[in-house]
Amino acid sequence: MNLRAAGLAAAVASAVLLGAGGATTAEAPTPQGGGETDPKVVRLVSVGDIACDPDSSYNDVAGYCQHARVGTLVKRMVNRGADWFITLGDAQYEYGTYDEFRKGFHPAFRDVRSVTKAVAGNHEYYTDNARGHFRYWGKRAGSAKQPWRTFTPVPGWRVVLLDSQCEHVGGCGPNSDQGRWLRDVLAANSRTCTVAMWHHPLQTSGGYAGNEDTEARARKLWKIANAGGVDLVLNGHDHIYERFAKRSDIQQFIAGTGGKNHYNITTKAPGSRERISDRYGVLRLDLSSDGNYRHAFVTAAGNVVDRGQVRCTNEPKT
């Protein structure tokens, strides 16, 4: 969706070499193929748990309420070629009212609104039926009757946006409208790589580790996603960054680092490979039409502190 200068692929290659061995590196432009037969790449930027209540006394406290810094980062990334910005829920605290969105989230992220899609979290539903969320976002959040939706950012990849506030959307299980829709979407093209996004994580090493309500919400969607061959699951809710090894061929990420105060790491969840609880930032995904994806955690300062390249391998279960 943005014009990019030729030669960005070389810049990316240089950045990757500099980042080998876990070194901190600067955020790089979106990689692009150099010829007609090269795979196409699209860049997604995603994060949840973002803007403090505009009247919060913590807005002026160091280390808290850093959504303006994250907004500046996202704007810079979009200007440098990122194609989509997707929120992972709890974009606006404390109640997700329309006025809170206008006063808190909007000043920091209005410049990327045209490339934004929104997923709801629990704080959006602290206002009846998440009215503020759906009024603020409009079609960028789907609708109150059907917040779940899908789009194809690049050939070979599907993005599925879901709502884990199950009691507000008619359920998350296989017999719910959302569950049936998800199963049908995944069955429609079993060879497509898929990334699914919803708010609550199945596993976490943060403050919600072992929380039965959080796990129950996620587990219903996870089972359908896994059976349908989803490759990546992105969540927020816990205010940390966490990367997991593949579980049943799904790789899970938590990116609840959008600006609200951090939570502590309380344990090491099974399969956890990287945990960050002291930096704000976003998860960057480069999805390639050849079935590969690159992931990176980019801090508000623009540094990459965790990165990797993986191939989507999950197959639908029969």
C-alpha atoms as a PDB file:
ATOM      1  CA  MET A   1       0.000   0.000   0.000  1.00  0.00           C
ATOM      2  CA  ASN A   2       3.076   2.254   0.097  1.00  0.00           C
ATOM      3  CA  LEU A   3       5.524   3.039  -2.693  1.00  0.00           C
ATOM      4  CA  ARG A   4       8.976   1.758  -1.820  1.00  0.00           C
ATOM      5  CA  ALA A   5      12.342   2.632  -3.264  1.00  0.00           C
ATOM      6  CA  ALA A   6      14.243  -0.003  -5.194  1.00  0.00           C
ATOM      7  CA  GLY A   7      17.015  -1.729  -3.351  1.00  0.00           C
ATOM      8  CA  LEU A   8      15.281  -2.195   0.026  1.00  0.00           C
ATOM      9  CA  ALA A   9      15.977  -5.915  -0.117  1.00  0.00           C
ATOM     10  CA  ALA A  10      19.698  -5.206   0.121  1.00  0.00           C
ATOM     11  CA  ALA A  11      19.132  -3.002   3.160  1.00  0.00           C
ATOM     12  CA  VAL A  12      17.156  -5.748   4.837  1.00  0.00           C
ATOM     13  CA  ALA A  13      19.857  -8.309   4.124  1.00  0.00           C
ATOM     14  CA  SER A  14      22.388  -6.012   5.738  1.00  0.00           C
ATOM     15  CA  ALA A  15      20.181  -5.536   8.793  1.00  0.00           C
ATOM     16  CA  VAL A  16      19.718  -9.291   9.170  1.00  0.00           C
ATOM     17  CA  LEU A  17      23.466  -9.867   9.049  1.00  0.00           C
ATOM     18  CA  LEU A  18      23.998  -7.212  11.687  1.00  0.00           C
ATOM     19  CA  GLY A  19      21.341  -8.878  13.826  1.00  0.00           C
ATOM     20  CA  ALA A  20      22.859 -12.369  13.770  1.00  0.00           C
ATOM     21  CA  GLY A  21      23.636 -13.831  17.149  1.00  0.00           C
ATOM     22  CA  GLY A  22      20.889 -11.918  18.958  1.00  0.00           C
ATOM     23  CA  ALA A  23      22.463  -8.460  18.644  1.00  0.00           C
ATOM     24  CA  THR A  24      20.171  -5.445  18.896  1.00  0.00           C
ATOM     25  CA  THR A  25      19.628  -3.855  15.477  1.00  0.00           C
ATOM     26  CA  ALA A  26      17.708  -0.967  14.005  1.00  0.00           C
ATOM     27  CA  GLU A  27      14.257  -1.540  12.530  1.00  0.00           C
ATOM     28  CA  ALA A  28      14.581  -2.268   8.800  1.00  0.00           C
ATOM     29  CA  PRO A  29      12.441  -1.333   5.778  1.00  0.00           C
ATOM     30  CA  THR A  30       9.987  -3.818   4.330  1.00  0.00           C
ATOM     31  CA  PRO A  31      11.813  -6.412   2.195  1.00  0.00           C
ATOM     32  CA  GLN A  32      10.744  -6.619  -1.431  1.00  0.00           C
ATOM     33  CA  GLY A  33      11.620  -9.086  -4.169  1.00  0.00           C
ATOM     34  CA  GLY A  34      13.824  -7.817  -6.929  1.00  0.00           C
ATOM     35  CA  GLY A  35      12.303  -9.702  -9.880  1.00  0.00           C
ATOM     36  CA  GLU A  36       8.989 -10.882 -11.283  1.00  0.00           C
ATOM     37  CA  THR A  37       9.495 -14.419  -9.967  1.00  0.00           C
ATOM     38  CA  ASP A  38      10.574 -13.403  -6.461  1.00  0.00           C
ATOM     39  CA  PRO A  39       8.076 -14.052  -3.675  1.00  0.00           C
ATOM     40  CA  LYS A  40       5.894 -11.123  -2.663  1.00  0.00           C
ATOM     41  CA  VAL A  41       6.206  -9.863   0.910  1.00  0.00           C
ATOM     42  CA  VAL A  42       3.738  -7.933   3.038  1.00  0.00           C
ATOM     43  CA  ARG A  43       4.539  -6.399   6.432  1.00  0.00           C
ATOM     44  CA  LEU A  44       2.131  -6.468   9.371  1.00  0.00           C
ATOM     45  CA  VAL A  45       2.681  -4.549  12.607  1.00  0.00           C
ATOM     46  CA  SER A  46       0.660  -5.666  15.605  1.00  0.00           C
ATOM     47  CA  VAL A  47       0.311  -4.905  19.316  1.00  0.00           C
ATOM     48  CA  GLY A  48      -2.319  -4.726  22.045  1.00  0.00           C
ATOM     49  CA  ASP A  49      -2.883  -3.121  25.454  1.00  0.00           C
ATOM     50  CA  ILE A  50      -2.196   0.368  24.281  1.00  0.00           C
ATOM     51  CA  ALA A  51      -3.601   3.707  25.429  1.00  0.00           C
ATOM     52  CA  CYS A  52      -4.098   4.693  29.064  1.00  0.00           C
ATOM     53  CA  ASP A  53      -7.285   6.348  30.246  1.00  0.00           C
ATOM     54  CA  PRO A  54      -6.803   9.965  29.129  1.00  0.00           C
ATOM     55  CA  ASP A  55      -7.600  11.112  32.678  1.00  0.00           C
ATOM     56  CA  SER A  56      -5.212   8.674  34.355  1.00  0.00           C
ATOM     57  CA  SER A  57      -2.770  10.174  36.829  1.00  0.00           C
ATOM     58  CA  TYR A  58      -0.140   7.798  35.393  1.00  0.00           C
ATOM     59  CA  ASN A  59       0.023   9.628  32.067  1.00  0.00           C
ATOM     60  CA  ASP A  60       2.845  11.778  33.440  1.00  0.00           C
ATOM     61  CA  VAL A  61       4.649   9.017  35.366  1.00  0.00           C
ATOM     62  CA  ALA A  62       7.905   7.757  33.865  1.00  0.00           C
ATOM     63  CA  GLY A  63       7.617   4.206  32.549  1.00  0.00           C
ATOM     64  CA  TYR A  64       3.841   4.254  32.250  1.00  0.00           C
ATOM     65  CA  CYS A  65       1.428   5.186  29.471  1.00  0.00           C
ATOM     66  CA  GLN A  66       3.915   5.026  26.604  1.00  0.00           C
ATOM     67  CA  HIS A  67       1.311   4.754  23.834  1.00  0.00           C
ATOM     68  CA  ALA A  68       2.449   8.013  22.227  1.00  0.00           C
ATOM     69  CA  ARG A  69       5.961   6.580  21.775  1.00  0.00           C
ATOM     70  CA  VAL A  70       4.532   3.382  20.304  1.00  0.00           C
ATOM     71  CA  GLY A  71       2.296   5.434  18.027  1.00  0.00           C
ATOM     72  CA  THR A  72       5.334   7.306  16.744  1.00  0.00           C
ATOM     73  CA  LEU A  73       7.069   3.976  16.092  1.00  0.00           C
ATOM     74  CA  VAL A  74       4.101   2.564  14.171  1.00  0.00           C
ATOM     75  CA  LYS A  75       3.807   5.736  12.079  1.00  0.00           C
ATOM     76  CA  ARG A  76       7.497   5.517  11.201  1.00  0.00           C
ATOM     77  CA  MET A  77       7.166   1.851  10.258  1.00  0.00           C
ATOM     78  CA  VAL A  78       4.161   2.549   8.038  1.00  0.00           C
ATOM     79  CA  ASN A  79       6.015   5.419   6.379  1.00  0.00           C
ATOM     80  CA  ARG A  80       8.879   3.010   5.706  1.00  0.00           C
ATOM     81  CA  GLY A  81       6.649   0.425   4.064  1.00  0.00           C
ATOM     82  CA  ALA A  82       4.588  -1.497   6.626  1.00  0.00           C
ATOM     83  CA  ASP A  83       1.278  -2.403   5.011  1.00  0.00           C
ATOM     84  CA  TRP A  84      -1.054  -3.031   7.953  1.00  0.00           C
ATOM     85  CA  PHE A  85      -1.334  -2.156  11.634  1.00  0.00           C
ATOM     86  CA  ILE A  86      -3.523  -4.522  13.658  1.00  0.00           C
ATOM     87  CA  THR A  87      -4.478  -3.950  17.282  1.00  0.00           C
ATOM     88  CA  LEU A  88      -4.741  -7.014  19.540  1.00  0.00           C
ATOM     89  CA  GLY A  89      -7.375  -5.711  21.944  1.00  0.00           C
ATOM     90  CA  ASP A  90      -7.504  -3.281  24.851  1.00  0.00           C
ATOM     91  CA  ALA A  91      -6.495  -0.471  22.528  1.00  0.00           C
ATOM     92  CA  GLN A  92      -8.106   2.019  24.912  1.00  0.00           C
ATOM     93  CA  TYR A  93      -8.342   1.904  28.709  1.00  0.00           C
ATOM     94  CA  GLU A  94     -10.179   1.809  31.014  1.00  0.00           C
ATOM     95  CA  TYR A  95     -13.625   1.362  29.481  1.00  0.00           C
ATOM     96  CA  GLY A  96     -13.090   1.797  25.763  1.00  0.00           C
ATOM     97  CA  THR A  97     -15.623   4.593  25.470  1.00  0.00           C
ATOM     98  CA  TYR A  98     -15.779   6.635  22.308  1.00  0.00           C
ATOM     99  CA  ASP A  99     -14.602   9.753  24.143  1.00  0.00           C
ATOM    100  CA  GLU A 100     -11.649   7.844  25.617  1.00  0.00           C
ATOM    101  CA  PHE A 101     -10.676   6.633  22.152  1.00  0.00           C
ATOM    102  CA  ARG A 102     -10.828  10.168  20.775  1.00  0.00           C
ATOM    103  CA  LYS A 103      -8.770  11.662  23.615  1.00  0.00           C
ATOM    104  CA  GLY A 104      -6.319   8.814  24.251  1.00  0.00           C
ATOM    105  CA  PHE A 105      -5.689   6.449  21.349  1.00  0.00           C
ATOM    106  CA  HIS A 106      -6.547   8.748  18.464  1.00  0.00           C
ATOM    107  CA  PRO A 107      -3.907  11.477  18.906  1.00  0.00           C
ATOM    108  CA  ALA A 108      -1.148   8.846  18.967  1.00  0.00           C
ATOM    109  CA  PHE A 109      -2.352   6.655  16.085  1.00  0.00           C
ATOM    110  CA  ARG A 110      -4.576   8.745  13.832  1.00  0.00           C
ATOM    111  CA  ASP A 111      -1.918   8.949  11.112  1.00  0.00           C
ATOM    112  CA  VAL A 112      -2.072   5.165  10.566  1.00  0.00           C
ATOM    113  CA  ARG A 113      -5.848   4.826  10.783  1.00  0.00           C
ATOM    114  CA  SER A 114      -6.235   4.113   7.053  1.00  0.00           C
ATOM    115  CA  VAL A 115      -4.122   0.933   7.350  1.00  0.00           C
ATOM    116  CA  THR A 116      -5.468  -0.230  10.715  1.00  0.00           C
ATOM    117  CA  LYS A 117      -7.698  -3.179  11.590  1.00  0.00           C
ATOM    118  CA  ALA A 118      -8.869  -3.644  15.177  1.00  0.00           C
ATOM    119  CA  VAL A 119      -9.473  -6.649  17.425  1.00  0.00           C
ATOM    120  CA  ALA A 120     -11.474  -6.143  20.634  1.00  0.00           C
ATOM    121  CA  GLY A 121     -10.279  -7.020  24.131  1.00  0.00           C
ATOM    122  CA  ASN A 122     -11.987  -7.187  27.486  1.00  0.00           C
ATOM    123  CA  HIS A 123     -11.638  -3.454  28.190  1.00  0.00           C
ATOM    124  CA  GLU A 124     -13.582  -2.558  25.051  1.00  0.00           C
ATOM    125  CA  TYR A 125     -16.490  -4.570  26.448  1.00  0.00           C
ATOM    126  CA  TYR A 126     -16.470  -2.663  29.747  1.00  0.00           C
ATOM    127  CA  THR A 127     -18.738  -0.377  27.749  1.00  0.00           C
ATOM    128  CA  ASP A 128     -21.988  -2.193  26.863  1.00  0.00           C
ATOM    129  CA  ASN A 129     -21.591  -4.172  23.637  1.00  0.00           C
ATOM    130  CA  ALA A 130     -18.248  -2.436  23.065  1.00  0.00           C
ATOM    131  CA  ARG A 131     -20.152   0.516  21.627  1.00  0.00           C
ATOM    132  CA  GLY A 132     -17.204   2.897  21.872  1.00  0.00           C
ATOM    133  CA  HIS A 133     -14.936   0.430  20.065  1.00  0.00           C
ATOM    134  CA  PHE A 134     -17.301  -0.164  17.158  1.00  0.00           C
ATOM    135  CA  ARG A 135     -18.248   3.503  16.870  1.00  0.00           C
ATOM    136  CA  TYR A 136     -14.627   4.616  16.800  1.00  0.00           C
ATOM    137  CA  TRP A 137     -13.381   1.955  14.394  1.00  0.00           C
ATOM    138  CA  GLY A 138     -16.409   1.469  12.157  1.00  0.00           C
ATOM    139  CA  LYS A 139     -15.785  -1.183   9.505  1.00  0.00           C
ATOM    140  CA  ARG A 140     -12.172  -1.504  10.653  1.00  0.00           C
ATOM    141  CA  ALA A 141     -13.520  -3.564  13.569  1.00  0.00           C
ATOM    142  CA  GLY A 142     -16.086  -5.560  11.616  1.00  0.00           C
ATOM    143  CA  SER A 143     -19.442  -5.095  13.316  1.00  0.00           C
ATOM    144  CA  ALA A 144     -20.996  -5.727  16.714  1.00  0.00           C
ATOM    145  CA  LYS A 145     -22.949  -8.630  15.207  1.00  0.00           C
ATOM    146  CA  GLN A 146     -19.930 -10.106  13.424  1.00  0.00           C
ATOM    147  CA  PRO A 147     -16.556  -8.848  14.659  1.00  0.00           C
ATOM    148  CA  TRP A 148     -14.778 -11.870  13.170  1.00  0.00           C
ATOM    149  CA  ARG A 149     -13.477 -11.434   9.629  1.00  0.00           C
ATOM    150  CA  THR A 150     -10.642 -12.363   7.307  1.00  0.00           C
ATOM    151  CA  PHE A 151      -8.513 -10.814   4.585  1.00  0.00           C
ATOM    152  CA  THR A 152      -5.678 -11.855   2.281  1.00  0.00           C
ATOM    153  CA  PRO A 153      -2.726  -9.454   2.602  1.00  0.00           C
ATOM    154  CA  VAL A 154      -0.561 -11.319   0.082  1.00  0.00           C
ATOM    155  CA  PRO A 155      -1.093 -14.427  -2.070  1.00  0.00           C
ATOM    156  CA  GLY A 156      -0.542 -17.523   0.041  1.00  0.00           C
ATOM    157  CA  TRP A 157      -1.518 -15.939   3.381  1.00  0.00           C
ATOM    158  CA  ARG A 158      -4.795 -15.400   5.170  1.00  0.00           C
ATOM    159  CA  VAL A 159      -5.286 -13.222   8.275  1.00  0.00           C
ATOM    160  CA  VAL A 160      -8.178 -14.125  10.581  1.00  0.00           C
ATOM    161  CA  LEU A 161      -9.363 -11.622  13.213  1.00  0.00           C
ATOM    162  CA  LEU A 162     -11.430 -13.093  16.060  1.00  0.00           C
ATOM    163  CA  ASP A 163     -13.145 -12.025  19.296  1.00  0.00           C
ATOM    164  CA  SER A 164     -12.330 -13.935  22.495  1.00  0.00           C
ATOM    165  CA  GLN A 165     -14.956 -12.098  24.563  1.00  0.00           C
ATOM    166  CA  CYS A 166     -17.039 -15.183  23.974  1.00  0.00           C
ATOM    167  CA  GLU A 167     -20.050 -14.270  26.132  1.00  0.00           C
ATOM    168  CA  HIS A 168     -20.560 -11.063  24.149  1.00  0.00           C
ATOM    169  CA  VAL A 169     -20.396 -12.556  20.643  1.00  0.00           C
ATOM    170  CA  GLY A 170     -22.453 -15.733  20.948  1.00  0.00           C
ATOM    171  CA  GLY A 171     -19.596 -18.024  21.929  1.00  0.00           C
ATOM    172  CA  CYS A 172     -16.202 -19.206  20.735  1.00  0.00           C
ATOM    173  CA  GLY A 173     -16.768 -22.955  20.556  1.00  0.00           C
ATOM    174  CA  PRO A 174     -17.300 -25.143  17.482  1.00  0.00           C
ATOM    175  CA  ASN A 175     -21.093 -24.748  17.525  1.00  0.00           C
ATOM    176  CA  SER A 176     -21.087 -20.958  17.869  1.00  0.00           C
ATOM    177  CA  ASP A 177     -21.525 -18.671  14.875  1.00  0.00           C
ATOM    178  CA  GLN A 178     -17.903 -17.561  15.230  1.00  0.00           C
ATOM    179  CA  GLY A 179     -16.654 -21.134  15.554  1.00  0.00           C
ATOM    180  CA  ARG A 180     -18.585 -22.376  12.526  1.00  0.00           C
ATOM    181  CA  TRP A 181     -17.435 -19.402  10.485  1.00  0.00           C
ATOM    182  CA  LEU A 182     -13.802 -20.007  11.426  1.00  0.00           C
ATOM    183  CA  ARG A 183     -14.005 -23.692  10.575  1.00  0.00           C
ATOM    184  CA  ASP A 184     -15.566 -22.915   7.179  1.00  0.00           C
ATOM    185  CA  VAL A 185     -13.010 -20.214   6.340  1.00  0.00           C
ATOM    186  CA  LEU A 186     -10.101 -22.515   7.153  1.00  0.00           C
ATOM    187  CA  ALA A 187     -11.633 -25.368   5.172  1.00  0.00           C
ATOM    188  CA  ALA A 188     -12.133 -23.172   2.099  1.00  0.00           C
ATOM    189  CA  ASN A 189      -8.430 -23.241   1.199  1.00  0.00           C
ATOM    190  CA  SER A 190      -6.390 -25.738   3.164  1.00  0.00           C
ATOM    191  CA  ARG A 191      -3.123 -24.845   1.401  1.00  0.00           C
ATOM    192  CA  THR A 192      -3.045 -21.220   2.557  1.00  0.00           C
ATOM    193  CA  CYS A 193      -0.797 -20.148   5.439  1.00  0.00           C
ATOM    194  CA  THR A 194      -2.849 -18.510   8.164  1.00  0.00           C
ATOM    195  CA  VAL A 195      -2.262 -16.112  11.047  1.00  0.00           C
ATOM    196  CA  ALA A 196      -5.082 -15.766  13.583  1.00  0.00           C
ATOM    197  CA  MET A 197      -5.375 -12.911  16.071  1.00  0.00           C
ATOM    198  CA  TRP A 198      -7.476 -12.610  19.218  1.00  0.00           C
ATOM    199  CA  HIS A 199      -6.972 -11.003  22.610  1.00  0.00           C
ATOM    200  CA  HIS A 200      -6.566 -13.755  25.239  1.00  0.00           C
ATOM    201  CA  PRO A 201      -3.493 -16.058  25.144  1.00  0.00           C
ATOM    202  CA  LEU A 202      -3.633 -19.801  25.669  1.00  0.00           C
ATOM    203  CA  GLN A 203      -0.214 -19.744  27.337  1.00  0.00           C
ATOM    204  CA  THR A 204       1.666 -16.941  29.022  1.00  0.00           C
ATOM    205  CA  SER A 205       4.551 -16.424  31.418  1.00  0.00           C
ATOM    206  CA  GLY A 206       3.132 -13.115  32.638  1.00  0.00           C
ATOM    207  CA  GLY A 207       0.543 -12.072  35.181  1.00  0.00           C
ATOM    208  CA  TYR A 208      -2.218 -14.163  33.622  1.00  0.00           C
ATOM    209  CA  ALA A 209      -0.230 -17.410  33.773  1.00  0.00           C
ATOM    210  CA  GLY A 210      -2.570 -20.170  34.926  1.00  0.00           C
ATOM    211  CA  ASN A 211      -5.643 -17.937  34.796  1.00  0.00           C
ATOM    212  CA  GLU A 212      -8.525 -20.299  34.080  1.00  0.00           C
ATOM    213  CA  ASP A 213     -10.797 -17.732  32.453  1.00  0.00           C
ATOM    214  CA  THR A 214      -8.077 -16.527  30.065  1.00  0.00           C
ATOM    215  CA  GLU A 215      -7.090 -20.061  29.090  1.00  0.00           C
ATOM    216  CA  ALA A 216     -10.691 -21.207  28.624  1.00  0.00           C
ATOM    217  CA  ARG A 217     -11.438 -18.401  26.175  1.00  0.00           C
ATOM    218  CA  ALA A 218      -8.311 -19.049  24.160  1.00  0.00           C
ATOM    219  CA  ARG A 219      -8.593 -22.842  24.200  1.00  0.00           C
ATOM    220  CA  LYS A 220     -11.913 -22.860  22.326  1.00  0.00           C
ATOM    221  CA  LEU A 221     -10.540 -20.806  19.458  1.00  0.00           C
ATOM    222  CA  TRP A 222      -7.173 -22.581  19.521  1.00  0.00           C
ATOM    223  CA  LYS A 223      -8.754 -26.013  18.995  1.00  0.00           C
ATOM    224  CA  ILE A 224     -10.613 -24.854  15.900  1.00  0.00           C
ATOM    225  CA  ALA A 225      -7.571 -22.972  14.627  1.00  0.00           C
ATOM    226  CA  ASN A 226      -5.284 -25.965  15.082  1.00  0.00           C
ATOM    227  CA  ALA A 227      -7.712 -28.365  13.435  1.00  0.00           C
ATOM    228  CA  GLY A 228      -7.969 -25.998  10.469  1.00  0.00           C
ATOM    229  CA  GLY A 229      -4.218 -25.596   9.971  1.00  0.00           C
ATOM    230  CA  VAL A 230      -3.529 -22.128  11.423  1.00  0.00           C
ATOM    231  CA  ASP A 231       0.217 -21.425  11.584  1.00  0.00           C
ATOM    232  CA  LEU A 232       0.474 -18.346  13.798  1.00  0.00           C
ATOM    233  CA  VAL A 233      -1.584 -17.031  16.723  1.00  0.00           C
ATOM    234  CA  LEU A 234      -1.093 -13.475  18.005  1.00  0.00           C
ATOM    235  CA  ASN A 235      -2.494 -12.300  21.352  1.00  0.00           C
ATOM    236  CA  GLY A 236      -2.329  -9.443  23.829  1.00  0.00           C
ATOM    237  CA  HIS A 237      -3.923  -9.257  27.311  1.00  0.00           C
ATOM    238  CA  ASP A 238      -0.730  -9.946  29.255  1.00  0.00           C
ATOM    239  CA  HIS A 239       1.417  -6.803  29.146  1.00  0.00           C
ATOM    240  CA  ILE A 240       4.586  -8.532  27.978  1.00  0.00           C
ATOM    241  CA  TYR A 241       6.224  -9.716  24.785  1.00  0.00           C
ATOM    242  CA  GLU A 242       6.590 -13.470  24.513  1.00  0.00           C
ATOM    243  CA  ARG A 243       7.552 -15.862  21.740  1.00  0.00           C
ATOM    244  CA  PHE A 244       6.825 -19.577  21.905  1.00  0.00           C
ATOM    245  CA  ALA A 245       8.136 -22.601  20.081  1.00  0.00           C
ATOM    246  CA  LYS A 246       5.607 -24.248  17.826  1.00  0.00           C
ATOM    247  CA  ARG A 247       2.913 -26.217  19.624  1.00  0.00           C
ATOM    248  CA  SER A 248       0.965 -28.603  17.385  1.00  0.00           C
ATOM    249  CA  ASP A 249       2.578 -26.669  14.522  1.00  0.00           C
ATOM    250  CA  ILE A 250       1.172 -23.312  15.718  1.00  0.00           C
ATOM    251  CA  GLN A 251       3.581 -20.613  16.843  1.00  0.00           C
ATOM    252  CA  GLN A 252       2.139 -18.252  19.459  1.00  0.00           C
ATOM    253  CA  PHE A 253       3.211 -14.682  20.182  1.00  0.00           C
ATOM    254  CA  ILE A 254       2.051 -12.275  22.876  1.00  0.00           C
ATOM    255  CA  ALA A 255       2.472  -8.572  22.176  1.00  0.00           C
ATOM    256  CA  GLY A 256       0.769  -6.678  24.990  1.00  0.00           C
ATOM    257  CA  THR A 257       3.395  -3.951  24.949  1.00  0.00           C
ATOM    258  CA  GLY A 258       1.513  -1.108  23.266  1.00  0.00           C
ATOM    259  CA  GLY A 259       1.883   1.475  26.012  1.00  0.00           C
ATOM    260  CA  LYS A 260      -0.031   0.462  29.143  1.00  0.00           C
ATOM    261  CA  ASN A 261       2.076  -0.487  32.163  1.00  0.00           C
ATOM    262  CA  HIS A 262       4.048  -3.738  31.970  1.00  0.00           C
ATOM    263  CA  TYR A 263       3.264  -6.904  33.916  1.00  0.00           C
ATOM    264  CA  ASN A 264       5.927  -9.022  35.572  1.00  0.00           C
ATOM    265  CA  ILE A 265       7.144 -12.377  34.297  1.00  0.00           C
ATOM    266  CA  THR A 266       5.795 -14.776  36.938  1.00  0.00           C
ATOM    267  CA  THR A 267       6.854 -18.145  35.524  1.00  0.00           C
ATOM    268  CA  LYS A 268       8.233 -19.783  32.394  1.00  0.00           C
ATOM    269  CA  ALA A 269       5.385 -21.276  30.407  1.00  0.00           C
ATOM    270  CA  PRO A 270       6.005 -24.549  28.535  1.00  0.00           C
ATOM    271  CA  GLY A 271       7.576 -23.836  25.163  1.00  0.00           C
ATOM    272  CA  SER A 272       8.415 -20.206  25.962  1.00  0.00           C
ATOM    273  CA  ARG A 273      11.517 -19.101  24.074  1.00  0.00           C
ATOM    274  CA  GLU A 274      11.711 -15.345  24.699  1.00  0.00           C
ATOM    275  CA  ARG A 275      10.132 -13.118  27.353  1.00  0.00           C
ATOM    276  CA  ILE A 276      10.393  -9.330  27.607  1.00  0.00           C
ATOM    277  CA  SER A 277       8.588  -7.344  30.289  1.00  0.00           C
ATOM    278  CA  ASP A 278      10.486  -4.056  30.422  1.00  0.00           C
ATOM    279  CA  ARG A 279      10.210  -2.614  26.903  1.00  0.00           C
ATOM    280  CA  TYR A 280       7.361  -1.172  24.907  1.00  0.00           C
ATOM    281  CA  GLY A 281       7.156  -2.040  21.244  1.00  0.00           C
ATOM    282  CA  VAL A 282       5.405  -4.012  18.505  1.00  0.00           C
ATOM    283  CA  LEU A 283       5.519  -7.385  16.793  1.00  0.00           C
ATOM    284  CA  ARG A 284       6.533  -7.114  13.146  1.00  0.00           C
ATOM    285  CA  LEU A 285       5.664  -9.876  10.697  1.00  0.00           C
ATOM    286  CA  ASP A 286       6.908 -10.147   7.120  1.00  0.00           C
ATOM    287  CA  LEU A 287       4.663 -12.654   5.342  1.00  0.00           C
ATOM    288  CA  SER A 288       6.075 -14.063   2.130  1.00  0.00           C
ATOM    289  CA  SER A 289       4.029 -15.631  -0.650  1.00  0.00           C
ATOM    290  CA  ASP A 290       6.422 -18.605  -0.643  1.00  0.00           C
ATOM    291  CA  GLY A 291       5.160 -19.718   2.792  1.00  0.00           C
ATOM    292  CA  ASN A 292       7.914 -18.230   4.940  1.00  0.00           C
ATOM    293  CA  TYR A 293       7.549 -15.535   7.576  1.00  0.00           C
ATOM    294  CA  ARG A 294       9.977 -13.337   9.462  1.00  0.00           C
ATOM    295  CA  HIS A 295       9.115 -12.121  12.938  1.00  0.00           C
ATOM    296  CA  ALA A 296      10.718  -9.395  15.026  1.00  0.00           C
ATOM    297  CA  PHE A 297       9.996  -7.513  18.224  1.00  0.00           C
ATOM    298  CA  VAL A 298      10.718  -3.842  17.576  1.00  0.00           C
ATOM    299  CA  THR A 299      11.039  -1.604  20.615  1.00  0.00           C
ATOM    300  CA  ALA A 300       9.663   1.920  20.863  1.00  0.00           C
ATOM    301  CA  ALA A 301      13.240   3.107  20.334  1.00  0.00           C
ATOM    302  CA  GLY A 302      13.292   1.330  16.968  1.00  0.00           C
ATOM    303  CA  ASN A 303      15.600  -1.521  17.964  1.00  0.00           C
ATOM    304  CA  VAL A 304      15.022  -5.180  17.112  1.00  0.00           C
ATOM    305  CA  VAL A 305      15.639  -7.372  20.156  1.00  0.00           C
ATOM    306  CA  ASP A 306      14.129 -10.688  19.035  1.00  0.00           C
ATOM    307  CA  ARG A 307      13.851 -11.992  15.498  1.00  0.00           C
ATOM    308  CA  GLY A 308      13.627 -15.154  13.432  1.00  0.00           C
ATOM    309  CA  GLN A 309      12.486 -16.772  10.204  1.00  0.00           C
ATOM    310  CA  VAL A 310      10.069 -19.705  10.058  1.00  0.00           C
ATOM    311  CA  ARG A 311       8.120 -21.628   7.438  1.00  0.00           C
ATOM    312  CA  CYS A 312       4.411 -22.265   7.848  1.00  0.00           C
ATOM    313  CA  THR A 313       3.915 -26.024   8.230  1.00  0.00           C
ATOM    314  CA  ASN A 314       0.576 -26.620   9.932  1.00  0.00           C
ATOM    315  CA  GLU A 315      -1.754 -28.905   8.006  1.00  0.00           C
ATOM    316  CA  PRO A 316      -5.493 -29.241   8.600  1.00  0.00           C
ATOM    317  CA  LYS A 317      -6.372 -32.197  10.809  1.00  0.00           C
ATOM    318  CA  THR A 318      -8.689 -34.745   9.249  1.00  0.00           C
END
